[in-house]
Amino acid sequence: MESPYRFSATNPRFVSNATNTDAKVYGATALLYGYSLLAYNRRFLRVDGNAVAAVGFAVASLPAAYAYSRFFLSSAENEAAIKNNSQEE
C-alpha cells in the first residue's frame, strides 16, 4: 500500500502535502453557523427578544459549527500530517 503523504527532501519526517485549510470545512461551517442563527432567531429571539442571550449564542455557536464541520468533513490522514508537522517544527 502506498503512502498518502509526500515528504520533504530536506527533512524526511516533514509532510509537504498537508494543508491547514479546507474549503469544504469552511463552507460547511458557514452553512451550519448561518442555519443555527436562523433557527435561534425563529425559536427564541422572536419570543423573548433577549439580545444578550442572542449575542452569547452567536459567539458560542461559531466554534461549535467549526468543530462539527471539521469532525465530519476533514480527513484523518490530513489531521495526522498536520499534527506531525507541528511536532517537527
PDB file of N, CA and C in Angstrom:
ATOM      1  N   MET A   1       0.843  -1.177   0.000  1.00  0.00           N
ATOM      2  CA  MET A   1       0.000   0.000   0.000  1.00  0.00           C
ATOM      3  C   MET A   1       0.887   1.239   0.000  1.00  0.00           C
ATOM      4  N   GLU A   2       0.605   2.171  -0.883  1.00  0.00           N
ATOM      5  CA  GLU A   2       1.445   3.358  -0.959  1.00  0.00           C
ATOM      6  C   GLU A   2       0.969   4.438   0.003  1.00  0.00           C
ATOM      7  N   SER A   3       1.888   5.242   0.455  1.00  0.00           N
ATOM      8  CA  SER A   3       1.605   6.264   1.458  1.00  0.00           C
ATOM      9  C   SER A   3       0.858   7.442   0.832  1.00  0.00           C
ATOM     10  N   PRO A   4      -0.118   8.028   1.533  1.00  0.00           N
ATOM     11  CA  PRO A   4      -0.809   9.203   1.010  1.00  0.00           C
ATOM     12  C   PRO A   4      -0.011  10.497   1.219  1.00  0.00           C
ATOM     13  N   TYR A   5       1.162  10.387   1.832  1.00  0.00           N
ATOM     14  CA  TYR A   5       1.956  11.560   2.162  1.00  0.00           C
ATOM     15  C   TYR A   5       3.114  11.745   1.192  1.00  0.00           C
ATOM     16  N   ARG A   6       3.490  13.020   0.996  1.00  0.00           N
ATOM     17  CA  ARG A   6       4.704  13.376   0.264  1.00  0.00           C
ATOM     18  C   ARG A   6       5.615  14.057   1.269  1.00  0.00           C
ATOM     19  N   PHE A   7       6.825  13.544   1.413  1.00  0.00           N
ATOM     20  CA  PHE A   7       7.730  14.059   2.426  1.00  0.00           C
ATOM     21  C   PHE A   7       8.722  15.039   1.824  1.00  0.00           C
ATOM     22  N   SER A   8       9.194  15.958   2.650  1.00  0.00           N
ATOM     23  CA  SER A   8      10.135  16.976   2.228  1.00  0.00           C
ATOM     24  C   SER A   8      11.502  16.358   1.942  1.00  0.00           C
ATOM     25  N   ALA A   9      12.222  16.943   1.001  1.00  0.00           N
ATOM     26  CA  ALA A   9      13.555  16.439   0.664  1.00  0.00           C
ATOM     27  C   ALA A   9      14.576  16.824   1.736  1.00  0.00           C
ATOM     28  N   THR A  10      14.390  17.979   2.370  1.00  0.00           N
ATOM     29  CA  THR A  10      15.350  18.415   3.384  1.00  0.00           C
ATOM     30  C   THR A  10      15.120  17.750   4.734  1.00  0.00           C
ATOM     31  N   ASN A  11      13.853  17.507   5.089  1.00  0.00           N
ATOM     32  CA  ASN A  11      13.520  16.837   6.335  1.00  0.00           C
ATOM     33  C   ASN A  11      12.597  15.663   6.005  1.00  0.00           C
ATOM     34  N   PRO A  12      13.081  14.449   6.045  1.00  0.00           N
ATOM     35  CA  PRO A  12      12.264  13.305   5.628  1.00  0.00           C
ATOM     36  C   PRO A  12      11.095  12.990   6.556  1.00  0.00           C
ATOM     37  N   ARG A  13      11.004  13.660   7.703  1.00  0.00           N
ATOM     38  CA  ARG A  13       9.870  13.437   8.610  1.00  0.00           C
ATOM     39  C   ARG A  13       8.783  14.494   8.453  1.00  0.00           C
ATOM     40  N   PHE A  14       9.025  15.520   7.628  1.00  0.00           N
ATOM     41  CA  PHE A  14       8.079  16.617   7.437  1.00  0.00           C
ATOM     42  C   PHE A  14       7.200  16.335   6.219  1.00  0.00           C
ATOM     43  N   VAL A  15       5.877  16.351   6.397  1.00  0.00           N
ATOM     44  CA  VAL A  15       4.929  16.086   5.318  1.00  0.00           C
ATOM     45  C   VAL A  15       4.700  17.378   4.547  1.00  0.00           C
ATOM     46  N   SER A  16       4.984  17.349   3.255  1.00  0.00           N
ATOM     47  CA  SER A  16       4.888  18.582   2.471  1.00  0.00           C
ATOM     48  C   SER A  16       3.512  18.810   1.857  1.00  0.00           C
ATOM     49  N   ASN A  17       2.663  17.802   1.778  1.00  0.00           N
ATOM     50  CA  ASN A  17       1.358  17.997   1.142  1.00  0.00           C
ATOM     51  C   ASN A  17       0.213  18.116   2.148  1.00  0.00           C
ATOM     52  N   ALA A  18       0.509  18.470   3.388  1.00  0.00           N
ATOM     53  CA  ALA A  18      -0.541  18.689   4.398  1.00  0.00           C
ATOM     54  C   ALA A  18      -1.028  20.127   4.304  1.00  0.00           C
ATOM     55  N   THR A  19      -2.340  20.315   4.318  1.00  0.00           N
ATOM     56  CA  THR A  19      -2.909  21.656   4.241  1.00  0.00           C
ATOM     57  C   THR A  19      -3.732  21.933   5.493  1.00  0.00           C
ATOM     58  N   ASN A  20      -3.607  23.149   6.008  1.00  0.00           N
ATOM     59  CA  ASN A  20      -4.383  23.544   7.183  1.00  0.00           C
ATOM     60  C   ASN A  20      -5.786  23.989   6.821  1.00  0.00           C
ATOM     61  N   THR A  21      -5.971  24.478   5.623  1.00  0.00           N
ATOM     62  CA  THR A  21      -7.281  24.984   5.233  1.00  0.00           C
ATOM     63  C   THR A  21      -7.945  24.021   4.268  1.00  0.00           C
ATOM     64  N   ASP A  22      -9.232  23.889   4.441  1.00  0.00           N
ATOM     65  CA  ASP A  22     -10.011  23.031   3.569  1.00  0.00           C
ATOM     66  C   ASP A  22     -11.309  23.759   3.256  1.00  0.00           C
ATOM     67  N   ALA A  23     -11.581  23.977   1.983  1.00  0.00           N
ATOM     68  CA  ALA A  23     -12.752  24.755   1.581  1.00  0.00           C
ATOM     69  C   ALA A  23     -14.054  24.087   2.000  1.00  0.00           C
ATOM     70  N   LYS A  24     -14.084  22.755   2.000  1.00  0.00           N
ATOM     71  CA  LYS A  24     -15.301  22.054   2.419  1.00  0.00           C
ATOM     72  C   LYS A  24     -15.636  22.349   3.871  1.00  0.00           C
ATOM     73  N   VAL A  25     -14.622  22.352   4.711  1.00  0.00           N
ATOM     74  CA  VAL A  25     -14.840  22.575   6.137  1.00  0.00           C
ATOM     75  C   VAL A  25     -15.339  23.994   6.386  1.00  0.00           C
ATOM     76  N   TYR A  26     -14.716  24.976   5.741  1.00  0.00           N
ATOM     77  CA  TYR A  26     -15.139  26.364   5.948  1.00  0.00           C
ATOM     78  C   TYR A  26     -16.521  26.624   5.358  1.00  0.00           C
ATOM     79  N   GLY A  27     -16.824  26.034   4.230  1.00  0.00           N
ATOM     80  CA  GLY A  27     -18.152  26.187   3.641  1.00  0.00           C
ATOM     81  C   GLY A  27     -19.237  25.570   4.501  1.00  0.00           C
ATOM     82  N   ALA A  28     -18.976  24.375   5.004  1.00  0.00           N
ATOM     83  CA  ALA A  28     -19.945  23.715   5.877  1.00  0.00           C
ATOM     84  C   ALA A  28     -20.087  24.469   7.198  1.00  0.00           C
ATOM     85  N   THR A  29     -19.000  25.050   7.689  1.00  0.00           N
ATOM     86  CA  THR A  29     -19.071  25.848   8.913  1.00  0.00           C
ATOM     87  C   THR A  29     -19.973  27.055   8.701  1.00  0.00           C
ATOM     88  N   ALA A  30     -19.811  27.728   7.577  1.00  0.00           N
ATOM     89  CA  ALA A  30     -20.645  28.898   7.291  1.00  0.00           C
ATOM     90  C   ALA A  30     -22.116  28.515   7.178  1.00  0.00           C
ATOM     91  N   LEU A  31     -22.401  27.411   6.497  1.00  0.00           N
ATOM     92  CA  LEU A  31     -23.790  26.977   6.362  1.00  0.00           C
ATOM     93  C   LEU A  31     -24.393  26.570   7.709  1.00  0.00           C
ATOM     94  N   LEU A  32     -23.654  25.808   8.474  1.00  0.00           N
ATOM     95  CA  LEU A  32     -24.148  25.361   9.775  1.00  0.00           C
ATOM     96  C   LEU A  32     -24.329  26.535  10.742  1.00  0.00           C
ATOM     97  N   TYR A  33     -23.398  27.465  10.730  1.00  0.00           N
ATOM     98  CA  TYR A  33     -23.489  28.643  11.591  1.00  0.00           C
ATOM     99  C   TYR A  33     -24.680  29.515  11.186  1.00  0.00           C
ATOM    100  N   GLY A  34     -24.836  29.738   9.897  1.00  0.00           N
ATOM    101  CA  GLY A  34     -25.973  30.528   9.426  1.00  0.00           C
ATOM    102  C   GLY A  34     -27.301  29.883   9.772  1.00  0.00           C
ATOM    103  N   TYR A  35     -27.386  28.568   9.588  1.00  0.00           N
ATOM    104  CA  TYR A  35     -28.627  27.877   9.923  1.00  0.00           C
ATOM    105  C   TYR A  35     -28.902  27.909  11.421  1.00  0.00           C
ATOM    106  N   SER A  36     -27.866  27.788  12.238  1.00  0.00           N
ATOM    107  CA  SER A  36     -28.090  27.811  13.688  1.00  0.00           C
ATOM    108  C   SER A  36     -28.565  29.190  14.138  1.00  0.00           C
ATOM    109  N   LEU A  37     -28.036  30.262  13.537  1.00  0.00           N
ATOM    110  CA  LEU A  37     -28.511  31.603  13.887  1.00  0.00           C
ATOM    111  C   LEU A  37     -29.946  31.816  13.430  1.00  0.00           C
ATOM    112  N   LEU A  38     -30.278  31.303  12.258  1.00  0.00           N
ATOM    113  CA  LEU A  38     -31.649  31.394  11.765  1.00  0.00           C
ATOM    114  C   LEU A  38     -32.615  30.635  12.672  1.00  0.00           C
ATOM    115  N   ALA A  39     -32.239  29.435  13.066  1.00  0.00           N
ATOM    116  CA  ALA A  39     -33.089  28.626  13.940  1.00  0.00           C
ATOM    117  C   ALA A  39     -33.229  29.270  15.317  1.00  0.00           C
ATOM    118  N   TYR A  40     -32.149  29.854  15.833  1.00  0.00           N
ATOM    119  CA  TYR A  40     -32.220  30.536  17.128  1.00  0.00           C
ATOM    120  C   TYR A  40     -33.153  31.740  17.041  1.00  0.00           C
ATOM    121  N   ASN A  41     -33.047  32.469  15.941  1.00  0.00           N
ATOM    122  CA  ASN A  41     -33.911  33.632  15.758  1.00  0.00           C
ATOM    123  C   ASN A  41     -35.380  33.219  15.725  1.00  0.00           C
ATOM    124  N   ARG A  42     -35.682  32.159  15.013  1.00  0.00           N
ATOM    125  CA  ARG A  42     -37.064  31.705  14.906  1.00  0.00           C
ATOM    126  C   ARG A  42     -37.598  31.166  16.235  1.00  0.00           C
ATOM    127  N   ARG A  43     -36.779  30.448  16.965  1.00  0.00           N
ATOM    128  CA  ARG A  43     -37.245  29.748  18.152  1.00  0.00           C
ATOM    129  C   ARG A  43     -37.227  30.616  19.419  1.00  0.00           C
ATOM    130  N   PHE A  44     -36.175  31.393  19.618  1.00  0.00           N
ATOM    131  CA  PHE A  44     -36.004  32.095  20.889  1.00  0.00           C
ATOM    132  C   PHE A  44     -36.034  33.617  20.779  1.00  0.00           C
ATOM    133  N   LEU A  45     -35.323  34.198  19.823  1.00  0.00           N
ATOM    134  CA  LEU A  45     -35.177  35.652  19.778  1.00  0.00           C
ATOM    135  C   LEU A  45     -36.507  36.339  19.496  1.00  0.00           C
ATOM    136  N   ARG A  46     -37.337  35.761  18.669  1.00  0.00           N
ATOM    137  CA  ARG A  46     -38.638  36.372  18.393  1.00  0.00           C
ATOM    138  C   ARG A  46     -39.562  36.304  19.595  1.00  0.00           C
ATOM    139  N   VAL A  47     -39.352  35.323  20.449  1.00  0.00           N
ATOM    140  CA  VAL A  47     -40.240  35.143  21.602  1.00  0.00           C
ATOM    141  C   VAL A  47     -39.883  36.100  22.736  1.00  0.00           C
ATOM    142  N   ASP A  48     -38.603  36.086  23.153  1.00  0.00           N
ATOM    143  CA  ASP A  48     -38.239  36.898  24.317  1.00  0.00           C
ATOM    144  C   ASP A  48     -37.461  38.168  23.977  1.00  0.00           C
ATOM    145  N   GLY A  49     -36.824  38.241  22.833  1.00  0.00           N
ATOM    146  CA  GLY A  49     -36.098  39.439  22.420  1.00  0.00           C
ATOM    147  C   GLY A  49     -34.871  39.738  23.251  1.00  0.00           C
ATOM    148  N   ASN A  50     -34.272  38.745  23.862  1.00  0.00           N
ATOM    149  CA  ASN A  50     -33.100  38.924  24.708  1.00  0.00           C
ATOM    150  C   ASN A  50     -31.856  39.009  23.831  1.00  0.00           C
ATOM    151  N   ALA A  51     -31.355  40.217  23.638  1.00  0.00           N
ATOM    152  CA  ALA A  51     -30.208  40.441  22.758  1.00  0.00           C
ATOM    153  C   ALA A  51     -28.910  39.906  23.359  1.00  0.00           C
ATOM    154  N   VAL A  52     -28.782  39.947  24.663  1.00  0.00           N
ATOM    155  CA  VAL A  52     -27.565  39.438  25.321  1.00  0.00           C
ATOM    156  C   VAL A  52     -27.441  37.933  25.110  1.00  0.00           C
ATOM    157  N   ALA A  53     -28.537  37.212  25.259  1.00  0.00           N
ATOM    158  CA  ALA A  53     -28.516  35.765  25.031  1.00  0.00           C
ATOM    159  C   ALA A  53     -28.253  35.459  23.552  1.00  0.00           C
ATOM    160  N   ALA A  54     -28.781  36.283  22.656  1.00  0.00           N
ATOM    161  CA  ALA A  54     -28.552  36.075  21.222  1.00  0.00           C
ATOM    162  C   ALA A  54     -27.081  36.263  20.862  1.00  0.00           C
ATOM    163  N   VAL A  55     -26.458  37.282  21.424  1.00  0.00           N
ATOM    164  CA  VAL A  55     -25.024  37.504  21.173  1.00  0.00           C
ATOM    165  C   VAL A  55     -24.204  36.376  21.777  1.00  0.00           C
ATOM    166  N   GLY A  56     -24.565  35.938  22.962  1.00  0.00           N
ATOM    167  CA  GLY A  56     -23.872  34.805  23.587  1.00  0.00           C
ATOM    168  C   GLY A  56     -23.994  33.539  22.761  1.00  0.00           C
ATOM    169  N   PHE A  57     -25.186  33.306  22.226  1.00  0.00           N
ATOM    170  CA  PHE A  57     -25.372  32.140  21.362  1.00  0.00           C
ATOM    171  C   PHE A  57     -24.546  32.267  20.085  1.00  0.00           C
ATOM    172  N   ALA A  58     -24.528  33.445  19.493  1.00  0.00           N
ATOM    173  CA  ALA A  58     -23.766  33.655  18.255  1.00  0.00           C
ATOM    174  C   ALA A  58     -22.274  33.432  18.482  1.00  0.00           C
ATOM    175  N   VAL A  59     -21.769  33.891  19.614  1.00  0.00           N
ATOM    176  CA  VAL A  59     -20.347  33.718  19.919  1.00  0.00           C
ATOM    177  C   VAL A  59     -20.016  32.250  20.193  1.00  0.00           C
ATOM    178  N   ALA A  60     -20.878  31.569  20.931  1.00  0.00           N
ATOM    179  CA  ALA A  60     -20.603  30.181  21.305  1.00  0.00           C
ATOM    180  C   ALA A  60     -20.856  29.198  20.167  1.00  0.00           C
ATOM    181  N   SER A  61     -21.726  29.537  19.226  1.00  0.00           N
ATOM    182  CA  SER A  61     -22.067  28.570  18.186  1.00  0.00           C
ATOM    183  C   SER A  61     -21.054  28.537  17.041  1.00  0.00           C
ATOM    184  N   LEU A  62     -20.257  29.574  16.868  1.00  0.00           N
ATOM    185  CA  LEU A  62     -19.264  29.550  15.786  1.00  0.00           C
ATOM    186  C   LEU A  62     -18.198  28.479  16.000  1.00  0.00           C
ATOM    187  N   PRO A  63     -17.561  28.374  17.177  1.00  0.00           N
ATOM    188  CA  PRO A  63     -16.599  27.285  17.367  1.00  0.00           C
ATOM    189  C   PRO A  63     -17.249  25.907  17.297  1.00  0.00           C
ATOM    190  N   ALA A  64     -18.493  25.810  17.743  1.00  0.00           N
ATOM    191  CA  ALA A  64     -19.192  24.527  17.676  1.00  0.00           C
ATOM    192  C   ALA A  64     -19.458  24.129  16.231  1.00  0.00           C
ATOM    193  N   ALA A  65     -19.866  25.078  15.409  1.00  0.00           N
ATOM    194  CA  ALA A  65     -20.110  24.789  13.991  1.00  0.00           C
ATOM    195  C   ALA A  65     -18.816  24.359  13.305  1.00  0.00           C
ATOM    196  N   TYR A  66     -17.709  25.021  13.638  1.00  0.00           N
ATOM    197  CA  TYR A  66     -16.420  24.646  13.055  1.00  0.00           C
ATOM    198  C   TYR A  66     -15.993  23.250  13.505  1.00  0.00           C
ATOM    199  N   ALA A  67     -16.203  22.944  14.778  1.00  0.00           N
ATOM    200  CA  ALA A  67     -15.810  21.627  15.298  1.00  0.00           C
ATOM    201  C   ALA A  67     -16.620  20.515  14.641  1.00  0.00           C
ATOM    202  N   TYR A  68     -17.925  20.712  14.493  1.00  0.00           N
ATOM    203  CA  TYR A  68     -18.751  19.702  13.828  1.00  0.00           C
ATOM    204  C   TYR A  68     -18.333  19.523  12.373  1.00  0.00           C
ATOM    205  N   SER A  69     -18.109  20.621  11.659  1.00  0.00           N
ATOM    206  CA  SER A  69     -17.721  20.536  10.255  1.00  0.00           C
ATOM    207  C   SER A  69     -16.363  19.865  10.091  1.00  0.00           C
ATOM    208  N   ARG A  70     -15.442  20.215  10.953  1.00  0.00           N
ATOM    209  CA  ARG A  70     -14.105  19.623  10.873  1.00  0.00           C
ATOM    210  C   ARG A  70     -14.140  18.131  11.201  1.00  0.00           C
ATOM    211  N   PHE A  71     -14.974  17.742  12.160  1.00  0.00           N
ATOM    212  CA  PHE A  71     -15.082  16.339  12.535  1.00  0.00           C
ATOM    213  C   PHE A  71     -15.640  15.499  11.395  1.00  0.00           C
ATOM    214  N   PHE A  72     -16.667  15.992  10.725  1.00  0.00           N
ATOM    215  CA  PHE A  72     -17.329  15.196   9.707  1.00  0.00           C
ATOM    216  C   PHE A  72     -16.702  15.309   8.316  1.00  0.00           C
ATOM    217  N   LEU A  73     -16.014  16.401   8.003  1.00  0.00           N
ATOM    218  CA  LEU A  73     -15.537  16.598   6.638  1.00  0.00           C
ATOM    219  C   LEU A  73     -14.025  16.573   6.467  1.00  0.00           C
ATOM    220  N   SER A  74     -13.272  16.611   7.540  1.00  0.00           N
ATOM    221  CA  SER A  74     -11.816  16.579   7.425  1.00  0.00           C
ATOM    222  C   SER A  74     -11.339  15.132   7.395  1.00  0.00           C
ATOM    223  N   SER A  75     -10.233  14.898   6.719  1.00  0.00           N
ATOM    224  CA  SER A  75      -9.715  13.535   6.626  1.00  0.00           C
ATOM    225  C   SER A  75      -8.741  13.256   7.775  1.00  0.00           C
ATOM    226  N   ALA A  76      -8.713  12.034   8.201  1.00  0.00           N
ATOM    227  CA  ALA A  76      -7.834  11.640   9.300  1.00  0.00           C
ATOM    228  C   ALA A  76      -6.368  11.719   8.885  1.00  0.00           C
ATOM    229  N   GLU A  77      -6.083  11.421   7.637  1.00  0.00           N
ATOM    230  CA  GLU A  77      -4.697  11.493   7.160  1.00  0.00           C
ATOM    231  C   GLU A  77      -4.167  12.922   7.213  1.00  0.00           C
ATOM    232  N   ASN A  78      -5.002  13.880   6.804  1.00  0.00           N
ATOM    233  CA  ASN A  78      -4.572  15.270   6.837  1.00  0.00           C
ATOM    234  C   ASN A  78      -4.384  15.750   8.272  1.00  0.00           C
ATOM    235  N   GLU A  79      -5.263  15.361   9.170  1.00  0.00           N
ATOM    236  CA  GLU A  79      -5.121  15.732  10.579  1.00  0.00           C
ATOM    237  C   GLU A  79      -3.830  15.165  11.164  1.00  0.00           C
ATOM    238  N   ALA A  80      -3.516  13.925  10.827  1.00  0.00           N
ATOM    239  CA  ALA A  80      -2.284  13.313  11.327  1.00  0.00           C
ATOM    240  C   ALA A  80      -1.056  14.019  10.767  1.00  0.00           C
ATOM    241  N   ALA A  81      -1.102  14.398   9.505  1.00  0.00           N
ATOM    242  CA  ALA A  81       0.030  15.103   8.895  1.00  0.00           C
ATOM    243  C   ALA A  81       0.236  16.469   9.527  1.00  0.00           C
ATOM    244  N   ILE A  82      -0.843  17.189   9.811  1.00  0.00           N
ATOM    245  CA  ILE A  82      -0.732  18.496  10.446  1.00  0.00           C
ATOM    246  C   ILE A  82      -0.159  18.360  11.854  1.00  0.00           C
ATOM    247  N   LYS A  83      -0.619  17.348  12.588  1.00  0.00           N
ATOM    248  CA  LYS A  83      -0.096  17.128  13.946  1.00  0.00           C
ATOM    249  C   LYS A  83       1.386  16.747  13.899  1.00  0.00           C
ATOM    250  N   ASN A  84       1.761  15.926  12.935  1.00  0.00           N
ATOM    251  CA  ASN A  84       3.165  15.544  12.768  1.00  0.00           C
ATOM    252  C   ASN A  84       4.026  16.769  12.447  1.00  0.00           C
ATOM    253  N   ASN A  85       3.547  17.614  11.546  1.00  0.00           N
ATOM    254  CA  ASN A  85       4.320  18.801  11.175  1.00  0.00           C
ATOM    255  C   ASN A  85       4.463  19.757  12.344  1.00  0.00           C
ATOM    256  N   SER A  86       3.449  19.870  13.184  1.00  0.00           N
ATOM    257  CA  SER A  86       3.567  20.763  14.340  1.00  0.00           C
ATOM    258  C   SER A  86       4.594  20.243  15.343  1.00  0.00           C
ATOM    259  N   GLN A  87       4.750  18.922  15.436  1.00  0.00           N
ATOM    260  CA  GLN A  87       5.765  18.364  16.319  1.00  0.00           C
ATOM    261  C   GLN A  87       7.160  18.475  15.731  1.00  0.00           C
ATOM    262  N   GLU A  88       7.261  18.534  14.408  1.00  0.00           N
ATOM    263  CA  GLU A  88       8.573  18.633  13.755  1.00  0.00           C
ATOM    264  C   GLU A  88       9.128  20.057  13.751  1.00  0.00           C
ATOM    265  N   GLU A  89       8.280  21.054  13.913  1.00  0.00           N
ATOM    266  CA  GLU A  89       8.742  22.438  13.842  1.00  0.00           C
ATOM    267  C   GLU A  89       9.433  22.891  15.088  1.00  0.00           C
TER     268      GLU A  89
END
